[in-house]
C-alpha atoms as a PDB file:
ATOM      1  CA  MET A   1      10.475 -19.189 -66.472  1.00  0.00           C
ATOM      2  CA  HIS A   2      11.839 -18.517 -62.972  1.00  0.00           C
ATOM      3  CA  ILE A   3       9.407 -17.884 -60.119  1.00  0.00           C
ATOM      4  CA  HIS A   4      10.823 -14.445 -59.366  1.00  0.00           C
ATOM      5  CA  LYS A   5      10.180 -13.481 -62.985  1.00  0.00           C
ATOM      6  CA  LEU A   6       6.539 -14.567 -62.711  1.00  0.00           C
ATOM      7  CA  GLU A   7       5.957 -12.572 -59.557  1.00  0.00           C
ATOM      8  CA  GLN A   8       6.305  -9.244 -61.357  1.00  0.00           C
ATOM      9  CA  TRP A   9       3.257 -10.141 -63.467  1.00  0.00           C
ATOM     10  CA  GLN A  10       1.129 -11.297 -60.554  1.00  0.00           C
ATOM     11  CA  HIS A  11      -1.122  -9.144 -58.402  1.00  0.00           C
ATOM     12  CA  GLY A  12      -3.418  -9.602 -55.449  1.00  0.00           C
ATOM     13  CA  HIS A  13      -7.213  -9.495 -55.357  1.00  0.00           C
ATOM     14  CA  ASN A  14      -7.643  -7.761 -52.028  1.00  0.00           C
ATOM     15  CA  PHE A  15     -10.163  -5.069 -52.963  1.00  0.00           C
ATOM     16  CA  PHE A  16     -11.386  -4.664 -49.391  1.00  0.00           C
ATOM     17  CA  VAL A  17     -10.241  -1.402 -47.782  1.00  0.00           C
ATOM     18  CA  HIS A  18     -10.463  -1.748 -44.024  1.00  0.00           C
ATOM     19  CA  ARG A  19     -10.762   1.371 -41.918  1.00  0.00           C
ATOM     20  CA  GLU A  20     -10.144   0.417 -38.309  1.00  0.00           C
ATOM     21  CA  GLN A  21     -11.810   3.575 -37.006  1.00  0.00           C
ATOM     22  CA  ASN A  22     -15.073   2.657 -38.771  1.00  0.00           C
ATOM     23  CA  GLU A  23     -15.114  -0.668 -36.965  1.00  0.00           C
ATOM     24  CA  LYS A  24     -14.290   0.861 -33.565  1.00  0.00           C
ATOM     25  CA  ASN A  25     -16.971   3.528 -33.896  1.00  0.00           C
ATOM     26  CA  THR A  26     -19.536   0.892 -34.854  1.00  0.00           C
ATOM     27  CA  GLN A  27     -18.639  -1.092 -31.715  1.00  0.00           C
ATOM     28  CA  LYS A  28     -19.183   1.995 -29.539  1.00  0.00           C
ATOM     29  CA  VAL A  29     -22.518   2.740 -31.183  1.00  0.00           C
ATOM     30  CA  MET A  30     -23.675  -0.859 -30.763  1.00  0.00           C
ATOM     31  CA  GLY A  31     -22.914  -0.729 -27.029  1.00  0.00           C
ATOM     32  CA  LEU A  32     -24.830   2.542 -26.581  1.00  0.00           C
ATOM     33  CA  THR A  33     -27.744   1.219 -28.631  1.00  0.00           C
ATOM     34  CA  ALA A  34     -27.960  -2.041 -26.654  1.00  0.00           C
ATOM     35  CA  VAL A  35     -28.155  -0.226 -23.306  1.00  0.00           C
ATOM     36  CA  THR A  36     -30.771   2.235 -24.565  1.00  0.00           C
ATOM     37  CA  MET A  37     -32.774  -0.601 -26.137  1.00  0.00           C
ATOM     38  CA  VAL A  38     -33.181  -2.343 -22.783  1.00  0.00           C
ATOM     39  CA  ILE A  39     -34.170   0.890 -21.042  1.00  0.00           C
ATOM     40  CA  GLU A  40     -36.773   1.848 -23.674  1.00  0.00           C
ATOM     41  CA  ILE A  41     -38.394  -1.593 -23.950  1.00  0.00           C
ATOM     42  CA  VAL A  42     -38.732  -1.893 -20.174  1.00  0.00           C
ATOM     43  CA  ALA A  43     -40.035   1.680 -19.900  1.00  0.00           C
ATOM     44  CA  GLY A  44     -42.406   1.263 -22.855  1.00  0.00           C
ATOM     45  CA  VAL A  45     -44.026  -1.793 -21.247  1.00  0.00           C
ATOM     46  CA  ALA A  46     -44.132  -0.187 -17.800  1.00  0.00           C
ATOM     47  CA  PHE A  47     -45.529   3.167 -18.933  1.00  0.00           C
ATOM     48  CA  GLY A  48     -47.778   1.987 -21.781  1.00  0.00           C
ATOM     49  CA  SER A  49     -46.189   4.043 -24.584  1.00  0.00           C
ATOM     50  CA  MET A  50     -46.335   2.485 -28.039  1.00  0.00           C
ATOM     51  CA  ALA A  51     -44.019   5.148 -29.440  1.00  0.00           C
ATOM     52  CA  LEU A  52     -41.450   4.382 -26.756  1.00  0.00           C
ATOM     53  CA  LEU A  53     -41.875   0.608 -27.094  1.00  0.00           C
ATOM     54  CA  ALA A  54     -41.561   0.839 -30.885  1.00  0.00           C
ATOM     55  CA  ASP A  55     -38.362   2.825 -30.484  1.00  0.00           C
ATOM     56  CA  GLY A  56     -36.992   0.143 -28.152  1.00  0.00           C
ATOM     57  CA  TRP A  57     -37.852  -2.681 -30.545  1.00  0.00           C
ATOM     58  CA  HIS A  58     -36.399  -0.629 -33.330  1.00  0.00           C
ATOM     59  CA  MET A  59     -33.140  -0.309 -31.424  1.00  0.00           C
ATOM     60  CA  GLY A  60     -33.135  -4.062 -30.754  1.00  0.00           C
ATOM     61  CA  THR A  61     -33.111  -4.868 -34.457  1.00  0.00           C
ATOM     62  CA  HIS A  62     -30.393  -2.265 -34.928  1.00  0.00           C
ATOM     63  CA  VAL A  63     -28.209  -4.065 -32.412  1.00  0.00           C
ATOM     64  CA  ALA A  64     -28.584  -7.153 -34.623  1.00  0.00           C
ATOM     65  CA  ALA A  65     -27.766  -5.018 -37.673  1.00  0.00           C
ATOM     66  CA  PHE A  66     -24.632  -3.653 -35.998  1.00  0.00           C
ATOM     67  CA  LEU A  67     -23.568  -7.240 -35.263  1.00  0.00           C
ATOM     68  CA  ILE A  68     -23.920  -7.938 -38.991  1.00  0.00           C
ATOM     69  CA  THR A  69     -21.820  -4.854 -39.719  1.00  0.00           C
ATOM     70  CA  LEU A  70     -19.052  -5.911 -37.325  1.00  0.00           C
ATOM     71  CA  PHE A  71     -19.119  -9.486 -38.618  1.00  0.00           C
ATOM     72  CA  ALA A  72     -18.706  -8.223 -42.187  1.00  0.00           C
ATOM     73  CA  TYR A  73     -15.676  -6.128 -41.170  1.00  0.00           C
ATOM     74  CA  SER A  74     -14.096  -9.052 -39.305  1.00  0.00           C
ATOM     75  CA  TYR A  75     -14.776 -11.617 -42.033  1.00  0.00           C
ATOM     76  CA  SER A  76     -13.461  -9.340 -44.784  1.00  0.00           C
ATOM     77  CA  ARG A  77     -10.285  -8.636 -42.844  1.00  0.00           C
ATOM     78  CA  LYS A  78      -9.605 -12.310 -42.112  1.00  0.00           C
ATOM     79  CA  ASN A  79     -10.208 -13.344 -45.734  1.00  0.00           C
ATOM     80  CA  ALA A  80      -8.453 -10.417 -47.400  1.00  0.00           C
ATOM     81  CA  ASN A  81      -6.001 -12.721 -49.196  1.00  0.00           C
ATOM     82  CA  ASN A  82      -8.140 -15.854 -49.420  1.00  0.00           C
ATOM     83  CA  PRO A  83      -7.784 -17.261 -52.980  1.00  0.00           C
ATOM     84  CA  ASP A  84     -11.189 -18.939 -52.705  1.00  0.00           C
ATOM     85  CA  PHE A  85     -12.754 -15.521 -53.359  1.00  0.00           C
ATOM     86  CA  THR A  86     -12.326 -14.972 -57.101  1.00  0.00           C
ATOM     87  CA  PHE A  87     -12.058 -11.201 -56.815  1.00  0.00           C
ATOM     88  CA  GLY A  88     -11.402 -10.978 -53.088  1.00  0.00           C
ATOM     89  CA  PRO A  89     -13.905 -10.366 -50.264  1.00  0.00           C
ATOM     90  CA  GLY A  90     -14.651  -6.758 -51.221  1.00  0.00           C
ATOM     91  CA  LYS A  91     -18.391  -7.362 -51.653  1.00  0.00           C
ATOM     92  CA  ILE A  92     -18.862  -8.695 -48.127  1.00  0.00           C
ATOM     93  CA  ASN A  93     -19.371  -5.152 -46.845  1.00  0.00           C
ATOM     94  CA  VAL A  94     -22.015  -4.598 -49.522  1.00  0.00           C
ATOM     95  CA  LEU A  95     -23.705  -7.851 -48.484  1.00  0.00           C
ATOM     96  CA  GLY A  96     -23.671  -6.642 -44.883  1.00  0.00           C
ATOM     97  CA  GLY A  97     -25.368  -3.430 -45.986  1.00  0.00           C
ATOM     98  CA  PHE A  98     -28.001  -5.417 -47.878  1.00  0.00           C
ATOM     99  CA  ALA A  99     -28.739  -7.611 -44.842  1.00  0.00           C
ATOM    100  CA  SER A 100     -29.046  -4.545 -42.612  1.00  0.00           C
ATOM    101  CA  ALA A 101     -31.439  -2.946 -45.096  1.00  0.00           C
ATOM    102  CA  VAL A 102     -33.650  -6.037 -44.864  1.00  0.00           C
ATOM    103  CA  ALA A 103     -33.580  -5.659 -41.071  1.00  0.00           C
ATOM    104  CA  LEU A 104     -34.677  -2.024 -41.450  1.00  0.00           C
ATOM    105  CA  ALA A 105     -37.637  -3.106 -43.584  1.00  0.00           C
ATOM    106  CA  VAL A 106     -38.664  -5.726 -41.007  1.00  0.00           C
ATOM    107  CA  VAL A 107     -38.522  -3.093 -38.254  1.00  0.00           C
ATOM    108  CA  ALA A 108     -40.758  -0.784 -40.274  1.00  0.00           C
ATOM    109  CA  LEU A 109     -43.310  -3.561 -40.813  1.00  0.00           C
ATOM    110  CA  ILE A 110     -43.421  -4.472 -37.101  1.00  0.00           C
ATOM    111  CA  MET A 111     -43.809  -0.808 -36.131  1.00  0.00           C
ATOM    112  CA  ALA A 112     -46.652  -0.281 -38.604  1.00  0.00           C
ATOM    113  CA  VAL A 113     -48.588  -3.394 -37.571  1.00  0.00           C
ATOM    114  CA  GLU A 114     -48.286  -2.689 -33.846  1.00  0.00           C
ATOM    115  CA  SER A 115     -49.161   0.989 -34.284  1.00  0.00           C
ATOM    116  CA  VAL A 116     -52.326   0.190 -36.265  1.00  0.00           C
ATOM    117  CA  GLY A 117     -53.305  -2.255 -33.520  1.00  0.00           C
ATOM    118  CA  ARG A 118     -53.027   0.494 -30.898  1.00  0.00           C
ATOM    119  CA  PHE A 119     -55.703   2.547 -32.694  1.00  0.00           C
ATOM    120  CA  PHE A 120     -58.208  -0.227 -31.979  1.00  0.00           C
ATOM    121  CA  SER A 121     -56.850  -1.240 -28.571  1.00  0.00           C
ATOM    122  CA  PRO A 122     -55.485   1.916 -26.882  1.00  0.00           C
ATOM    123  CA  VAL A 123     -53.645   1.598 -23.572  1.00  0.00           C
ATOM    124  CA  GLU A 124     -52.993   4.039 -20.750  1.00  0.00           C
ATOM    125  CA  ILE A 125     -49.796   6.051 -21.280  1.00  0.00           C
ATOM    126  CA  HIS A 126     -47.650   7.483 -18.464  1.00  0.00           C
ATOM    127  CA  TYR A 127     -46.515  10.560 -20.344  1.00  0.00           C
ATOM    128  CA  GLY A 128     -44.005  12.107 -17.959  1.00  0.00           C
ATOM    129  CA  GLN A 129     -41.859   9.005 -17.504  1.00  0.00           C
ATOM    130  CA  SER A 130     -42.116   8.090 -21.196  1.00  0.00           C
ATOM    131  CA  ILE A 131     -40.952  11.523 -22.354  1.00  0.00           C
ATOM    132  CA  LEU A 132     -37.931  11.373 -20.047  1.00  0.00           C
ATOM    133  CA  VAL A 133     -36.851   7.982 -21.408  1.00  0.00           C
ATOM    134  CA  ALA A 134     -37.452   9.097 -25.013  1.00  0.00           C
ATOM    135  CA  VAL A 135     -35.218  12.141 -24.490  1.00  0.00           C
ATOM    136  CA  VAL A 136     -32.453   9.878 -23.152  1.00  0.00           C
ATOM    137  CA  GLY A 137     -32.851   7.713 -26.267  1.00  0.00           C
ATOM    138  CA  LEU A 138     -32.594  10.738 -28.539  1.00  0.00           C
ATOM    139  CA  VAL A 139     -29.380  11.912 -26.845  1.00  0.00           C
ATOM    140  CA  VAL A 140     -27.847   8.465 -27.341  1.00  0.00           C
ATOM    141  CA  ASN A 141     -28.894   8.507 -31.013  1.00  0.00           C
ATOM    142  CA  VAL A 142     -27.369  11.937 -31.608  1.00  0.00           C
ATOM    143  CA  VAL A 143     -24.054  10.854 -30.049  1.00  0.00           C
ATOM    144  CA  SER A 144     -24.093   7.676 -32.150  1.00  0.00           C
ATOM    145  CA  ALA A 145     -24.853   9.620 -35.328  1.00  0.00           C
ATOM    146  CA  PHE A 146     -21.874  11.913 -34.749  1.00  0.00           C
ATOM    147  CA  LEU A 147     -19.617   8.897 -34.181  1.00  0.00           C
ATOM    148  CA  LEU A 148     -20.660   7.249 -37.431  1.00  0.00           C
ATOM    149  CA  HIS A 149     -21.014  10.430 -39.474  1.00  0.00           C
ATOM    150  CA  GLY A 150     -17.306  11.199 -39.174  1.00  0.00           C
ATOM    151  CA  SER A 151     -16.432   7.800 -40.612  1.00  0.00           C
ATOM    152  CA  HIS A 152     -19.256   7.896 -43.176  1.00  0.00           C
ATOM    153  CA  GLY A 153     -18.151  11.306 -44.414  1.00  0.00           C
ATOM    154  CA  HIS A 154     -14.560  10.156 -44.900  1.00  0.00           C
ATOM    155  CA  ASP A 155     -15.749   7.496 -47.331  1.00  0.00           C
ATOM    156  CA  HIS A 156     -16.809  10.119 -49.900  1.00  0.00           C
ATOM    157  CA  HIS A 157     -14.004  11.393 -52.063  1.00  0.00           C
ATOM    158  CA  HIS A 158     -13.060  11.479 -55.695  1.00  0.00           C
ATOM    159  CA  GLY A 159     -12.238   8.127 -57.235  1.00  0.00           C
ATOM    160  CA  HIS A 160     -10.687   9.022 -60.613  1.00  0.00           C
ATOM    161  CA  SER A 161     -10.074  11.911 -62.897  1.00  0.00           C
ATOM    162  CA  HIS A 162     -12.985  11.168 -65.247  1.00  0.00           C
ATOM    163  CA  GLY A 163     -15.621  12.090 -62.669  1.00  0.00           C
ATOM    164  CA  HIS A 164     -17.713   8.903 -62.707  1.00  0.00           C
ATOM    165  CA  GLU A 165     -18.450   6.605 -59.800  1.00  0.00           C
ATOM    166  CA  ASN A 166     -16.534   8.953 -57.528  1.00  0.00           C
ATOM    167  CA  HIS A 167     -18.284   8.150 -54.232  1.00  0.00           C
ATOM    168  CA  HIS A 168     -16.210   5.638 -52.296  1.00  0.00           C
ATOM    169  CA  GLU A 169     -18.964   4.312 -50.090  1.00  0.00           C
ATOM    170  CA  ASP A 170     -18.738   1.679 -47.425  1.00  0.00           C
ATOM    171  CA  HIS A 171     -22.255   0.248 -47.716  1.00  0.00           C
ATOM    172  CA  ASN A 172     -21.764  -1.655 -44.488  1.00  0.00           C
ATOM    173  CA  LEU A 173     -21.082   1.605 -42.620  1.00  0.00           C
ATOM    174  CA  LYS A 174     -23.791   3.422 -44.549  1.00  0.00           C
ATOM    175  CA  ALA A 175     -26.334   0.849 -43.360  1.00  0.00           C
ATOM    176  CA  ALA A 176     -25.213   1.327 -39.748  1.00  0.00           C
ATOM    177  CA  TYR A 177     -25.509   5.102 -40.163  1.00  0.00           C
ATOM    178  CA  PHE A 178     -29.041   4.766 -41.557  1.00  0.00           C
ATOM    179  CA  HIS A 179     -29.987   2.584 -38.603  1.00  0.00           C
ATOM    180  CA  VAL A 180     -28.842   5.313 -36.212  1.00  0.00           C
ATOM    181  CA  LEU A 181     -30.728   7.979 -38.167  1.00  0.00           C
ATOM    182  CA  ALA A 182     -33.835   5.802 -38.052  1.00  0.00           C
ATOM    183  CA  ASP A 183     -33.409   5.501 -34.280  1.00  0.00           C
ATOM    184  CA  ALA A 184     -33.107   9.284 -33.951  1.00  0.00           C
ATOM    185  CA  LEU A 185     -36.206   9.798 -36.079  1.00  0.00           C
ATOM    186  CA  THR A 186     -38.334   7.420 -34.026  1.00  0.00           C
ATOM    187  CA  SER A 187     -37.092   9.083 -30.830  1.00  0.00           C
ATOM    188  CA  VAL A 188     -38.107  12.533 -32.107  1.00  0.00           C
ATOM    189  CA  LEU A 189     -41.504  11.257 -33.238  1.00  0.00           C
ATOM    190  CA  ALA A 190     -42.032   9.566 -29.861  1.00  0.00           C
ATOM    191  CA  ILE A 191     -41.227  12.791 -27.975  1.00  0.00           C
ATOM    192  CA  VAL A 192     -43.577  14.847 -30.173  1.00  0.00           C
ATOM    193  CA  ALA A 193     -46.411  12.336 -29.790  1.00  0.00           C
ATOM    194  CA  LEU A 194     -45.959  12.074 -26.029  1.00  0.00           C
ATOM    195  CA  LEU A 195     -45.781  15.861 -25.538  1.00  0.00           C
ATOM    196  CA  PHE A 196     -48.977  16.540 -27.481  1.00  0.00           C
ATOM    197  CA  GLY A 197     -50.668  13.609 -25.819  1.00  0.00           C
ATOM    198  CA  SER A 198     -49.716  14.951 -22.413  1.00  0.00           C
ATOM    199  CA  LEU A 199     -50.746  18.548 -23.143  1.00  0.00           C
ATOM    200  CA  PHE A 200     -53.887  18.047 -25.219  1.00  0.00           C
ATOM    201  CA  GLY A 201     -54.882  14.443 -24.642  1.00  0.00           C
ATOM    202  CA  TRP A 202     -54.233  13.491 -28.260  1.00  0.00           C
ATOM    203  CA  TRP A 203     -53.505   9.827 -27.529  1.00  0.00           C
ATOM    204  CA  ALA A 204     -53.865   8.868 -31.207  1.00  0.00           C
ATOM    205  CA  LEU A 205     -50.649  10.720 -32.017  1.00  0.00           C
ATOM    206  CA  ASP A 206     -48.671   7.986 -30.239  1.00  0.00           C
ATOM    207  CA  PRO A 207     -49.563   5.166 -32.668  1.00  0.00           C
ATOM    208  CA  GLY A 208     -49.809   7.704 -35.514  1.00  0.00           C
ATOM    209  CA  MET A 209     -46.179   8.677 -35.112  1.00  0.00           C
ATOM    210  CA  GLY A 210     -45.301   4.989 -35.130  1.00  0.00           C
ATOM    211  CA  ILE A 211     -46.837   4.692 -38.619  1.00  0.00           C
ATOM    212  CA  VAL A 212     -45.066   7.838 -39.866  1.00  0.00           C
ATOM    213  CA  GLY A 213     -41.745   6.494 -38.610  1.00  0.00           C
ATOM    214  CA  ALA A 214     -42.403   3.145 -40.312  1.00  0.00           C
ATOM    215  CA  LEU A 215     -43.004   4.857 -43.667  1.00  0.00           C
ATOM    216  CA  VAL A 216     -39.824   6.941 -43.468  1.00  0.00           C
ATOM    217  CA  ILE A 217     -37.720   3.942 -42.441  1.00  0.00           C
ATOM    218  CA  THR A 218     -39.215   1.916 -45.299  1.00  0.00           C
ATOM    219  CA  ARG A 219     -38.036   4.555 -47.747  1.00  0.00           C
ATOM    220  CA  TRP A 220     -34.487   4.455 -46.364  1.00  0.00           C
ATOM    221  CA  ALA A 221     -34.482   0.649 -46.453  1.00  0.00           C
ATOM    222  CA  TRP A 222     -35.690   0.590 -50.058  1.00  0.00           C
ATOM    223  CA  GLY A 223     -32.978   2.998 -51.204  1.00  0.00           C
ATOM    224  CA  LEU A 224     -30.226   0.982 -49.531  1.00  0.00           C
ATOM    225  CA  LEU A 225     -31.646  -2.293 -50.880  1.00  0.00           C
ATOM    226  CA  LYS A 226     -31.635  -0.948 -54.440  1.00  0.00           C
ATOM    227  CA  GLU A 227     -28.101   0.393 -54.160  1.00  0.00           C
ATOM    228  CA  SER A 228     -26.524  -2.664 -52.524  1.00  0.00           C
ATOM    229  CA  SER A 229     -28.425  -5.272 -54.563  1.00  0.00           C
ATOM    230  CA  ALA A 230     -27.309  -3.622 -57.804  1.00  0.00           C
ATOM    231  CA  ILE A 231     -23.674  -4.105 -56.791  1.00  0.00           C
ATOM    232  CA  LEU A 232     -24.257  -7.684 -55.648  1.00  0.00           C
ATOM    233  CA  LEU A 233     -25.841  -8.439 -59.049  1.00  0.00           C
ATOM    234  CA  ASP A 234     -22.958  -6.727 -60.928  1.00  0.00           C
ATOM    235  CA  ALA A 235     -25.274  -3.946 -62.088  1.00  0.00           C
ATOM    236  CA  GLY A 236     -23.838  -1.141 -59.981  1.00  0.00           C
ATOM    237  CA  VAL A 237     -21.771   0.612 -62.671  1.00  0.00           C
ATOM    238  CA  LYS A 238     -23.386   3.349 -64.741  1.00  0.00           C
ATOM    239  CA  ARG A 239     -23.607   2.992 -68.513  1.00  0.00           C
ATOM    240  CA  GLU A 240     -21.630   6.229 -68.920  1.00  0.00           C
ATOM    241  CA  VAL A 241     -18.587   4.582 -67.308  1.00  0.00           C
ATOM    242  CA  ARG A 242     -18.647   1.691 -69.795  1.00  0.00           C
ATOM    243  CA  GLU A 243     -19.087   4.110 -72.683  1.00  0.00           C
ATOM    244  CA  GLU A 244     -16.153   6.254 -71.567  1.00  0.00           C
ATOM    245  CA  ILE A 245     -13.877   3.210 -71.230  1.00  0.00           C
ATOM    246  CA  LYS A 246     -14.927   2.092 -74.700  1.00  0.00           C
ATOM    247  CA  ASP A 247     -14.334   5.556 -76.195  1.00  0.00           C
ATOM    248  CA  LEU A 248     -10.841   5.787 -74.703  1.00  0.00           C
ATOM    249  CA  VAL A 249      -9.816   2.447 -76.165  1.00  0.00           C
ATOM    250  CA  GLU A 250     -11.381   3.124 -79.568  1.00  0.00           C
ATOM    251  CA  ALA A 251      -9.752   6.572 -79.810  1.00  0.00           C
ATOM    252  CA  ASP A 252      -6.393   4.835 -80.199  1.00  0.00           C
ATOM    253  CA  ALA A 253      -5.396   3.308 -83.563  1.00  0.00           C
ATOM    254  CA  ASP A 254      -8.269   1.433 -85.239  1.00  0.00           C
ATOM    255  CA  ASN A 255      -9.383  -0.411 -82.099  1.00  0.00           C
ATOM    256  CA  ARG A 256     -13.004  -1.487 -81.960  1.00  0.00           C
ATOM    257  CA  VAL A 257     -14.435  -2.835 -78.714  1.00  0.00           C
ATOM    258  CA  THR A 258     -16.770  -5.749 -79.460  1.00  0.00           C
ATOM    259  CA  ASP A 259     -17.512  -6.791 -75.875  1.00  0.00           C
ATOM    260  CA  ILE A 260     -17.184  -4.981 -72.561  1.00  0.00           C
ATOM    261  CA  HIS A 261     -18.057  -5.873 -68.964  1.00  0.00           C
ATOM    262  CA  VAL A 262     -17.421  -3.543 -66.020  1.00  0.00           C
ATOM    263  CA  TRP A 263     -18.483  -4.431 -62.493  1.00  0.00           C
ATOM    264  CA  LYS A 264     -17.715  -3.627 -58.869  1.00  0.00           C
ATOM    265  CA  VAL A 265     -15.511  -6.034 -56.921  1.00  0.00           C
ATOM    266  CA  GLY A 266     -15.651  -3.911 -53.775  1.00  0.00           C
ATOM    267  CA  PRO A 267     -17.027  -0.582 -52.605  1.00  0.00           C
ATOM    268  CA  HIS A 268     -14.071   1.295 -54.137  1.00  0.00           C
ATOM    269  CA  HIS A 269     -12.848  -0.921 -56.969  1.00  0.00           C
ATOM    270  CA  LEU A 270     -13.926  -1.915 -60.457  1.00  0.00           C
ATOM    271  CA  ALA A 271     -12.971  -4.807 -62.706  1.00  0.00           C
ATOM    272  CA  ALA A 272     -13.223  -4.729 -66.484  1.00  0.00           C
ATOM    273  CA  LEU A 273     -13.216  -7.389 -69.196  1.00  0.00           C
ATOM    274  CA  LEU A 274     -12.816  -6.166 -72.785  1.00  0.00           C
ATOM    275  CA  THR A 275     -12.591  -7.784 -76.199  1.00  0.00           C
ATOM    276  CA  LEU A 276     -11.291  -5.610 -79.018  1.00  0.00           C
ATOM    277  CA  VAL A 277     -10.565  -6.096 -82.716  1.00  0.00           C
ATOM    278  CA  THR A 278      -7.677  -4.311 -84.459  1.00  0.00           C
ATOM    279  CA  HIS A 279      -5.424  -4.586 -87.486  1.00  0.00           C
ATOM    280  CA  TYR A 280      -2.476  -3.527 -85.333  1.00  0.00           C
ATOM    281  CA  PRO A 281      -2.495  -5.628 -82.131  1.00  0.00           C
ATOM    282  CA  ARG A 282      -0.267  -4.570 -79.256  1.00  0.00           C
ATOM    283  CA  SER A 283       0.531  -5.975 -75.848  1.00  0.00           C
ATOM    284  CA  SER A 284      -2.196  -5.896 -73.197  1.00  0.00           C
ATOM    285  CA  GLY A 285      -0.041  -3.482 -71.206  1.00  0.00           C
ATOM    286  CA  GLU A 286      -0.312  -0.874 -73.957  1.00  0.00           C
ATOM    287  CA  TYR A 287      -4.088  -1.014 -73.880  1.00  0.00           C
ATOM    288  CA  LYS A 288      -4.174  -0.832 -70.093  1.00  0.00           C
ATOM    289  CA  LYS A 289      -2.192   2.388 -70.247  1.00  0.00           C
ATOM    290  CA  LEU A 290      -5.103   3.929 -72.150  1.00  0.00           C
ATOM    291  CA  LEU A 291      -7.252   3.365 -69.055  1.00  0.00           C
ATOM    292  CA  ALA A 292      -4.717   4.603 -66.504  1.00  0.00           C
ATOM    293  CA  GLY A 293      -6.955   7.589 -65.692  1.00  0.00           C
ATOM    294  CA  PHE A 294      -9.559   5.343 -64.090  1.00  0.00           C
ATOM    295  CA  ASP A 295      -8.189   4.946 -60.579  1.00  0.00           C
ATOM    296  CA  GLN A 296     -10.966   2.559 -59.600  1.00  0.00           C
ATOM    297  CA  LEU A 297     -10.124   0.078 -62.359  1.00  0.00           C
ATOM    298  CA  LYS A 298      -7.954  -2.365 -60.427  1.00  0.00           C
ATOM    299  CA  HIS A 299      -8.454  -5.559 -62.414  1.00  0.00           C
ATOM    300  CA  ILE A 300      -8.430  -5.330 -66.225  1.00  0.00           C
ATOM    301  CA  THR A 301      -8.514  -8.281 -68.621  1.00  0.00           C
ATOM    302  CA  ILE A 302      -8.198  -7.548 -72.359  1.00  0.00           C
ATOM    303  CA  GLU A 303      -8.629  -9.958 -75.241  1.00  0.00           C
ATOM    304  CA  VAL A 304      -7.117  -8.700 -78.505  1.00  0.00           C
ATOM    305  CA  ILE A 305      -8.285 -10.154 -81.821  1.00  0.00           C
ATOM    306  CA  LYS A 306      -6.299  -9.396 -84.968  1.00  0.00           C
ATOM    307  CA  CYS A 307      -8.478  -8.458 -87.919  1.00  0.00           C
ATOM    308  CA  GLU A 308      -7.230 -10.141 -91.099  1.00  0.00           C
ATOM    309  CA  GLU A 309      -9.199  -7.938 -93.500  1.00  0.00           C
ATOM    310  CA  GLU A 310      -7.786  -4.918 -95.307  1.00  0.00           C
ATOM    311  CA  PRO A 311      -7.151  -2.096 -92.773  1.00  0.00           C
ATOM    312  CA  CYS A 312      -9.234   1.065 -93.058  1.00  0.00           C
ATOM    313  CA  ILE A 313      -6.310   3.277 -91.999  1.00  0.00           C
ATOM    314  CA  ALA A 314      -2.588   3.000 -92.585  1.00  0.00           C
ATOM    315  CA  LEU A 315      -0.231   1.939 -89.819  1.00  0.00           C
ATOM    316  CA  GLU A 316       1.479   5.312 -89.586  1.00  0.00           C
ATOM    317  CA  GLU A 317      -1.912   6.957 -89.010  1.00  0.00           C
ATOM    318  CA  ALA A 318      -2.789   4.448 -86.323  1.00  0.00           C
ATOM    319  CA  VAL A 319       0.226   4.996 -84.071  1.00  0.00           C
END
């Protein structure tokens, strides 16, 4: 068979959808975060504020997380057509999100440990200077959140007409967005603690807010870990999706699906492997047409087994 004839049956495995604006916005946010991190850590040490110091450390780990995010974008783009990746590099963004979620959990642990320590070893806090720096940090976080929210929001739209798995999420970007939200939260908590400490002398609020922030961040990290790890372990597709694919195939002729596997090969794309038994086998293309309504199904492999027993329905009823 000639090469040009083969090409019409071949297809790529590039299931990574790169949005250049997402990457650019993440770069801007990382720059803002890095500058604010230095300011808050220096100010936290100088003015004795645990809330401010925790926020600075928090931002430092987020800079590392943003580097992971940018690396994932770059690596996915460079390896978009690399045949060494069986189903393309689409999961690299999910892996980046998972790594960033781990970083979030580490941040929460450090904040909690240090905050508990401050209850037993309190230090003098310079409230006025600390509040000013915390407000600057909050402004930076709000600007960063708006930058990433525009990109994050554009990644949510309908995937296919059957209404399942219709959130096209970039887990890499989602992780970066959560990091910014966590930064904003710790900034708000720091300002509240410092204000009440300044007005009423409630110094314990400073480490207390550090613990509250750690708990909230832990919850965000856990949710992102569950979501991204499920995809990495090929468990990210709901049972209803598999059942609907099976029902569509079995509604035609006397097809019976004996084995089905559906998994994510990228944030927006699914692959499916089906084995079906029928008295009236057709070409794989005919069966794939039955699943044309699933826009996210980009890689479908179908094994057709002819049943040699007496058919339950006549051929004219099956077609």
